[in-house]
Amino acid sequence: MERINAETIAGIALVFLALVFIFAATMNEVWAIILPADYLILALGFAFIALGVITTRNNRKHYHKESTHH
């Protein structure tokens, strides 16, 4: 059973990156030009987090133990 998967980690990283970019947009006019792309990155991050949560729930619901026979 896994507690956190790669989709969730990628989503958290994208959300953090988007928040850093949005903060940079408040400080610099050049970064403010690409602000819509920052919100897109933020939305993708939340989508990856949701995908990771759904995948983890699905794996827990249909958990099967792999057996090895020699």
PDB file of N, CA and C in Angstrom:
ATOM      1  N   MET A   1       0.839  -1.176   0.000  1.00  0.00           N
ATOM      2  CA  MET A   1       0.000   0.000   0.000  1.00  0.00           C
ATOM      3  C   MET A   1       0.885   1.240   0.000  1.00  0.00           C
ATOM      4  N   GLU A   2       0.511   2.197  -0.803  1.00  0.00           N
ATOM      5  CA  GLU A   2       1.299   3.408  -0.892  1.00  0.00           C
ATOM      6  C   GLU A   2       0.518   4.578  -0.312  1.00  0.00           C
ATOM      7  N   ARG A   3       1.222   5.486   0.301  1.00  0.00           N
ATOM      8  CA  ARG A   3       0.579   6.651   0.888  1.00  0.00           C
ATOM      9  C   ARG A   3       0.582   7.830  -0.061  1.00  0.00           C
ATOM     10  N   ILE A   4       1.653   7.975  -0.815  1.00  0.00           N
ATOM     11  CA  ILE A   4       1.768   9.086  -1.750  1.00  0.00           C
ATOM     12  C   ILE A   4       2.423   8.535  -3.013  1.00  0.00           C
ATOM     13  N   ASN A   5       1.972   9.019  -4.154  1.00  0.00           N
ATOM     14  CA  ASN A   5       2.507   8.495  -5.404  1.00  0.00           C
ATOM     15  C   ASN A   5       3.150   9.615  -6.208  1.00  0.00           C
ATOM     16  N   ALA A   6       3.669   9.276  -7.352  1.00  0.00           N
ATOM     17  CA  ALA A   6       4.425  10.230  -8.172  1.00  0.00           C
ATOM     18  C   ALA A   6       3.538  11.359  -8.690  1.00  0.00           C
ATOM     19  N   GLU A   7       2.279  11.067  -8.985  1.00  0.00           N
ATOM     20  CA  GLU A   7       1.386  12.122  -9.470  1.00  0.00           C
ATOM     21  C   GLU A   7       1.180  13.197  -8.417  1.00  0.00           C
ATOM     22  N   THR A   8       1.027  12.779  -7.170  1.00  0.00           N
ATOM     23  CA  THR A   8       0.834  13.730  -6.085  1.00  0.00           C
ATOM     24  C   THR A   8       2.083  14.576  -5.871  1.00  0.00           C
ATOM     25  N   ILE A   9       3.241  13.945  -5.913  1.00  0.00           N
ATOM     26  CA  ILE A   9       4.495  14.681  -5.736  1.00  0.00           C
ATOM     27  C   ILE A   9       4.698  15.677  -6.870  1.00  0.00           C
ATOM     28  N   ALA A  10       4.408  15.263  -8.096  1.00  0.00           N
ATOM     29  CA  ALA A  10       4.535  16.176  -9.237  1.00  0.00           C
ATOM     30  C   ALA A  10       3.555  17.334  -9.107  1.00  0.00           C
ATOM     31  N   GLY A  11       2.356  17.067  -8.642  1.00  0.00           N
ATOM     32  CA  GLY A  11       1.368  18.113  -8.448  1.00  0.00           C
ATOM     33  C   GLY A  11       1.789  19.128  -7.398  1.00  0.00           C
ATOM     34  N   ILE A  12       2.338  18.647  -6.299  1.00  0.00           N
ATOM     35  CA  ILE A  12       2.818  19.547  -5.252  1.00  0.00           C
ATOM     36  C   ILE A  12       3.957  20.412  -5.774  1.00  0.00           C
ATOM     37  N   ALA A  13       4.849  19.812  -6.544  1.00  0.00           N
ATOM     38  CA  ALA A  13       5.968  20.575  -7.117  1.00  0.00           C
ATOM     39  C   ALA A  13       5.468  21.643  -8.086  1.00  0.00           C
ATOM     40  N   LEU A  14       4.472  21.306  -8.914  1.00  0.00           N
ATOM     41  CA  LEU A  14       3.935  22.279  -9.861  1.00  0.00           C
ATOM     42  C   LEU A  14       3.202  23.413  -9.149  1.00  0.00           C
ATOM     43  N   VAL A  15       2.469  23.100  -8.103  1.00  0.00           N
ATOM     44  CA  VAL A  15       1.783  24.141  -7.341  1.00  0.00           C
ATOM     45  C   VAL A  15       2.800  25.080  -6.706  1.00  0.00           C
ATOM     46  N   PHE A  16       3.840  24.515  -6.117  1.00  0.00           N
ATOM     47  CA  PHE A  16       4.888  25.346  -5.506  1.00  0.00           C
ATOM     48  C   PHE A  16       5.563  26.220  -6.555  1.00  0.00           C
ATOM     49  N   LEU A  17       5.876  25.647  -7.705  1.00  0.00           N
ATOM     50  CA  LEU A  17       6.516  26.405  -8.781  1.00  0.00           C
ATOM     51  C   LEU A  17       5.610  27.533  -9.270  1.00  0.00           C
ATOM     52  N   ALA A  18       4.323  27.248  -9.429  1.00  0.00           N
ATOM     53  CA  ALA A  18       3.379  28.270  -9.874  1.00  0.00           C
ATOM     54  C   ALA A  18       3.264  29.396  -8.853  1.00  0.00           C
ATOM     55  N   LEU A  19       3.252  29.052  -7.572  1.00  0.00           N
ATOM     56  CA  LEU A  19       3.176  30.090  -6.544  1.00  0.00           C
ATOM     57  C   LEU A  19       4.425  30.967  -6.544  1.00  0.00           C
ATOM     58  N   VAL A  20       5.571  30.372  -6.779  1.00  0.00           N
ATOM     59  CA  VAL A  20       6.803  31.161  -6.886  1.00  0.00           C
ATOM     60  C   VAL A  20       6.736  32.081  -8.097  1.00  0.00           C
ATOM     61  N   PHE A  21       6.240  31.569  -9.217  1.00  0.00           N
ATOM     62  CA  PHE A  21       6.119  32.390 -10.417  1.00  0.00           C
ATOM     63  C   PHE A  21       5.106  33.525 -10.224  1.00  0.00           C
ATOM     64  N   ILE A  22       4.006  33.243  -9.548  1.00  0.00           N
ATOM     65  CA  ILE A  22       3.004  34.280  -9.291  1.00  0.00           C
ATOM     66  C   ILE A  22       3.585  35.351  -8.373  1.00  0.00           C
ATOM     67  N   PHE A  23       4.345  34.940  -7.380  1.00  0.00           N
ATOM     68  CA  PHE A  23       5.013  35.909  -6.512  1.00  0.00           C
ATOM     69  C   PHE A  23       6.007  36.750  -7.312  1.00  0.00           C
ATOM     70  N   ALA A  24       6.734  36.119  -8.223  1.00  0.00           N
ATOM     71  CA  ALA A  24       7.677  36.858  -9.061  1.00  0.00           C
ATOM     72  C   ALA A  24       6.940  37.839  -9.970  1.00  0.00           C
ATOM     73  N   ALA A  25       5.746  37.489 -10.381  1.00  0.00           N
ATOM     74  CA  ALA A  25       4.963  38.380 -11.242  1.00  0.00           C
ATOM     75  C   ALA A  25       4.530  39.629 -10.493  1.00  0.00           C
ATOM     76  N   THR A  26       4.394  39.530  -9.185  1.00  0.00           N
ATOM     77  CA  THR A  26       4.035  40.721  -8.414  1.00  0.00           C
ATOM     78  C   THR A  26       5.223  41.659  -8.255  1.00  0.00           C
ATOM     79  N   MET A  27       6.438  41.143  -8.445  1.00  0.00           N
ATOM     80  CA  MET A  27       7.640  41.946  -8.251  1.00  0.00           C
ATOM     81  C   MET A  27       8.219  42.505  -9.556  1.00  0.00           C
ATOM     82  N   ASN A  28       7.897  41.886 -10.690  1.00  0.00           N
ATOM     83  CA  ASN A  28       8.556  42.242 -11.942  1.00  0.00           C
ATOM     84  C   ASN A  28       7.513  42.348 -13.051  1.00  0.00           C
ATOM     85  N   GLU A  29       7.626  43.378 -13.860  1.00  0.00           N
ATOM     86  CA  GLU A  29       6.662  43.585 -14.942  1.00  0.00           C
ATOM     87  C   GLU A  29       6.783  42.533 -16.044  1.00  0.00           C
ATOM     88  N   VAL A  30       7.988  42.062 -16.298  1.00  0.00           N
ATOM     89  CA  VAL A  30       8.183  41.056 -17.346  1.00  0.00           C
ATOM     90  C   VAL A  30       7.507  39.744 -16.938  1.00  0.00           C
ATOM     91  N   TRP A  31       7.633  39.367 -15.686  1.00  0.00           N
ATOM     92  CA  TRP A  31       6.974  38.156 -15.210  1.00  0.00           C
ATOM     93  C   TRP A  31       5.455  38.319 -15.204  1.00  0.00           C
ATOM     94  N   ALA A  32       4.982  39.543 -15.040  1.00  0.00           N
ATOM     95  CA  ALA A  32       3.538  39.781 -15.024  1.00  0.00           C
ATOM     96  C   ALA A  32       2.910  39.518 -16.388  1.00  0.00           C
ATOM     97  N   ILE A  33       3.700  39.613 -17.443  1.00  0.00           N
ATOM     98  CA  ILE A  33       3.175  39.345 -18.783  1.00  0.00           C
ATOM     99  C   ILE A  33       2.754  37.886 -18.914  1.00  0.00           C
ATOM    100  N   ILE A  34       3.481  36.991 -18.292  1.00  0.00           N
ATOM    101  CA  ILE A  34       3.179  35.556 -18.420  1.00  0.00           C
ATOM    102  C   ILE A  34       2.329  35.035 -17.260  1.00  0.00           C
ATOM    103  N   LEU A  35       1.631  35.926 -16.584  1.00  0.00           N
ATOM    104  CA  LEU A  35       0.793  35.519 -15.449  1.00  0.00           C
ATOM    105  C   LEU A  35      -0.276  34.488 -15.817  1.00  0.00           C
ATOM    106  N   PRO A  36      -0.932  34.576 -16.988  1.00  0.00           N
ATOM    107  CA  PRO A  36      -1.901  33.521 -17.327  1.00  0.00           C
ATOM    108  C   PRO A  36      -1.265  32.125 -17.411  1.00  0.00           C
ATOM    109  N   ALA A  37      -0.034  32.053 -17.864  1.00  0.00           N
ATOM    110  CA  ALA A  37       0.648  30.757 -17.910  1.00  0.00           C
ATOM    111  C   ALA A  37       0.922  30.236 -16.499  1.00  0.00           C
ATOM    112  N   ASP A  38       1.162  31.147 -15.572  1.00  0.00           N
ATOM    113  CA  ASP A  38       1.379  30.732 -14.186  1.00  0.00           C
ATOM    114  C   ASP A  38       0.117  30.109 -13.596  1.00  0.00           C
ATOM    115  N   TYR A  39      -1.027  30.700 -13.927  1.00  0.00           N
ATOM    116  CA  TYR A  39      -2.281  30.119 -13.448  1.00  0.00           C
ATOM    117  C   TYR A  39      -2.562  28.771 -14.120  1.00  0.00           C
ATOM    118  N   LEU A  40      -2.129  28.608 -15.340  1.00  0.00           N
ATOM    119  CA  LEU A  40      -2.266  27.320 -16.010  1.00  0.00           C
ATOM    120  C   LEU A  40      -1.401  26.262 -15.317  1.00  0.00           C
ATOM    121  N   ILE A  41      -0.182  26.635 -14.950  1.00  0.00           N
ATOM    122  CA  ILE A  41       0.693  25.712 -14.213  1.00  0.00           C
ATOM    123  C   ILE A  41       0.064  25.352 -12.871  1.00  0.00           C
ATOM    124  N   LEU A  42      -0.545  26.338 -12.214  1.00  0.00           N
ATOM    125  CA  LEU A  42      -1.215  26.083 -10.941  1.00  0.00           C
ATOM    126  C   LEU A  42      -2.371  25.104 -11.114  1.00  0.00           C
ATOM    127  N   ALA A  43      -3.150  25.290 -12.165  1.00  0.00           N
ATOM    128  CA  ALA A  43      -4.273  24.380 -12.423  1.00  0.00           C
ATOM    129  C   ALA A  43      -3.781  22.969 -12.744  1.00  0.00           C
ATOM    130  N   LEU A  44      -2.707  22.876 -13.504  1.00  0.00           N
ATOM    131  CA  LEU A  44      -2.142  21.545 -13.794  1.00  0.00           C
ATOM    132  C   LEU A  44      -1.639  20.874 -12.522  1.00  0.00           C
ATOM    133  N   GLY A  45      -1.058  21.658 -11.635  1.00  0.00           N
ATOM    134  CA  GLY A  45      -0.604  21.101 -10.359  1.00  0.00           C
ATOM    135  C   GLY A  45      -1.750  20.522  -9.553  1.00  0.00           C
ATOM    136  N   PHE A  46      -2.853  21.281  -9.463  1.00  0.00           N
ATOM    137  CA  PHE A  46      -4.015  20.766  -8.739  1.00  0.00           C
ATOM    138  C   PHE A  46      -4.609  19.546  -9.431  1.00  0.00           C
ATOM    139  N   ALA A  47      -4.564  19.526 -10.752  1.00  0.00           N
ATOM    140  CA  ALA A  47      -5.076  18.362 -11.486  1.00  0.00           C
ATOM    141  C   ALA A  47      -4.221  17.122 -11.198  1.00  0.00           C
ATOM    142  N   PHE A  48      -2.913  17.296 -11.146  1.00  0.00           N
ATOM    143  CA  PHE A  48      -2.039  16.162 -10.823  1.00  0.00           C
ATOM    144  C   PHE A  48      -2.267  15.677  -9.397  1.00  0.00           C
ATOM    145  N   ILE A  49      -2.484  16.605  -8.474  1.00  0.00           N
ATOM    146  CA  ILE A  49      -2.767  16.201  -7.100  1.00  0.00           C
ATOM    147  C   ILE A  49      -4.069  15.400  -7.047  1.00  0.00           C
ATOM    148  N   ALA A  50      -5.089  15.875  -7.749  1.00  0.00           N
ATOM    149  CA  ALA A  50      -6.368  15.148  -7.777  1.00  0.00           C
ATOM    150  C   ALA A  50      -6.196  13.771  -8.404  1.00  0.00           C
ATOM    151  N   LEU A  51      -5.439  13.696  -9.487  1.00  0.00           N
ATOM    152  CA  LEU A  51      -5.181  12.406 -10.120  1.00  0.00           C
ATOM    153  C   LEU A  51      -4.457  11.453  -9.172  1.00  0.00           C
ATOM    154  N   GLY A  52      -3.498  11.973  -8.439  1.00  0.00           N
ATOM    155  CA  GLY A  52      -2.776  11.144  -7.483  1.00  0.00           C
ATOM    156  C   GLY A  52      -3.662  10.631  -6.368  1.00  0.00           C
ATOM    157  N   VAL A  53      -4.549  11.492  -5.869  1.00  0.00           N
ATOM    158  CA  VAL A  53      -5.463  11.068  -4.802  1.00  0.00           C
ATOM    159  C   VAL A  53      -6.428  10.006  -5.320  1.00  0.00           C
ATOM    160  N   ILE A  54      -6.965  10.207  -6.510  1.00  0.00           N
ATOM    161  CA  ILE A  54      -7.894   9.232  -7.086  1.00  0.00           C
ATOM    162  C   ILE A  54      -7.191   7.900  -7.324  1.00  0.00           C
ATOM    163  N   THR A  55      -5.962   7.950  -7.836  1.00  0.00           N
ATOM    164  CA  THR A  55      -5.209   6.724  -8.082  1.00  0.00           C
ATOM    165  C   THR A  55      -4.911   5.983  -6.783  1.00  0.00           C
ATOM    166  N   THR A  56      -4.544   6.733  -5.748  1.00  0.00           N
ATOM    167  CA  THR A  56      -4.255   6.102  -4.459  1.00  0.00           C
ATOM    168  C   THR A  56      -5.508   5.467  -3.878  1.00  0.00           C
ATOM    169  N   ARG A  57      -6.632   6.159  -3.953  1.00  0.00           N
ATOM    170  CA  ARG A  57      -7.884   5.584  -3.448  1.00  0.00           C
ATOM    171  C   ARG A  57      -8.261   4.323  -4.219  1.00  0.00           C
ATOM    172  N   ASN A  58      -8.071   4.369  -5.547  1.00  0.00           N
ATOM    173  CA  ASN A  58      -8.404   3.212  -6.369  1.00  0.00           C
ATOM    174  C   ASN A  58      -7.494   2.034  -6.035  1.00  0.00           C
ATOM    175  N   ASN A  59      -6.214   2.296  -5.809  1.00  0.00           N
ATOM    176  CA  ASN A  59      -5.288   1.222  -5.459  1.00  0.00           C
ATOM    177  C   ASN A  59      -5.608   0.631  -4.092  1.00  0.00           C
ATOM    178  N   ARG A  60      -6.044   1.458  -3.157  1.00  0.00           N
ATOM    179  CA  ARG A  60      -6.395   0.944  -1.830  1.00  0.00           C
ATOM    180  C   ARG A  60      -7.671   0.118  -1.879  1.00  0.00           C
ATOM    181  N   LYS A  61      -8.606   0.523  -2.726  1.00  0.00           N
ATOM    182  CA  LYS A  61      -9.874  -0.189  -2.819  1.00  0.00           C
ATOM    183  C   LYS A  61      -9.697  -1.562  -3.458  1.00  0.00           C
ATOM    184  N   HIS A  62      -8.827  -1.639  -4.458  1.00  0.00           N
ATOM    185  CA  HIS A  62      -8.606  -2.882  -5.189  1.00  0.00           C
ATOM    186  C   HIS A  62      -7.226  -3.444  -4.885  1.00  0.00           C
ATOM    187  N   TYR A  63      -6.860  -3.441  -3.608  1.00  0.00           N
ATOM    188  CA  TYR A  63      -5.546  -3.915  -3.204  1.00  0.00           C
ATOM    189  C   TYR A  63      -5.483  -5.423  -3.341  1.00  0.00           C
ATOM    190  N   HIS A  64      -4.427  -5.910  -3.985  1.00  0.00           N
ATOM    191  CA  HIS A  64      -4.226  -7.337  -4.069  1.00  0.00           C
ATOM    192  C   HIS A  64      -2.760  -7.626  -3.772  1.00  0.00           C
ATOM    193  N   LYS A  65      -2.551  -8.646  -2.974  1.00  0.00           N
ATOM    194  CA  LYS A  65      -1.193  -8.998  -2.588  1.00  0.00           C
ATOM    195  C   LYS A  65      -0.627  -9.946  -3.630  1.00  0.00           C
ATOM    196  N   GLU A  66       0.532  -9.580  -4.121  1.00  0.00           N
ATOM    197  CA  GLU A  66       1.182 -10.442  -5.115  1.00  0.00           C
ATOM    198  C   GLU A  66       1.887 -11.575  -4.393  1.00  0.00           C
ATOM    199  N   SER A  67       1.606 -12.767  -4.824  1.00  0.00           N
ATOM    200  CA  SER A  67       2.251 -13.924  -4.215  1.00  0.00           C
ATOM    201  C   SER A  67       3.305 -14.484  -5.166  1.00  0.00           C
ATOM    202  N   THR A  68       4.333 -14.965  -4.600  1.00  0.00           N
ATOM    203  CA  THR A  68       5.398 -15.572  -5.411  1.00  0.00           C
ATOM    204  C   THR A  68       5.463 -17.055  -5.091  1.00  0.00           C
ATOM    205  N   HIS A  69       5.478 -17.834  -6.138  1.00  0.00           N
ATOM    206  CA  HIS A  69       5.597 -19.274  -5.987  1.00  0.00           C
ATOM    207  C   HIS A  69       6.848 -19.724  -6.722  1.00  0.00           C
ATOM    208  N   HIS A  70       7.692 -20.441  -6.027  1.00  0.00           N
ATOM    209  CA  HIS A  70       8.940 -20.927  -6.642  1.00  0.00           C
ATOM    210  C   HIS A  70       8.865 -22.398  -6.892  1.00  0.00           C
TER     211      HIS A  70
END
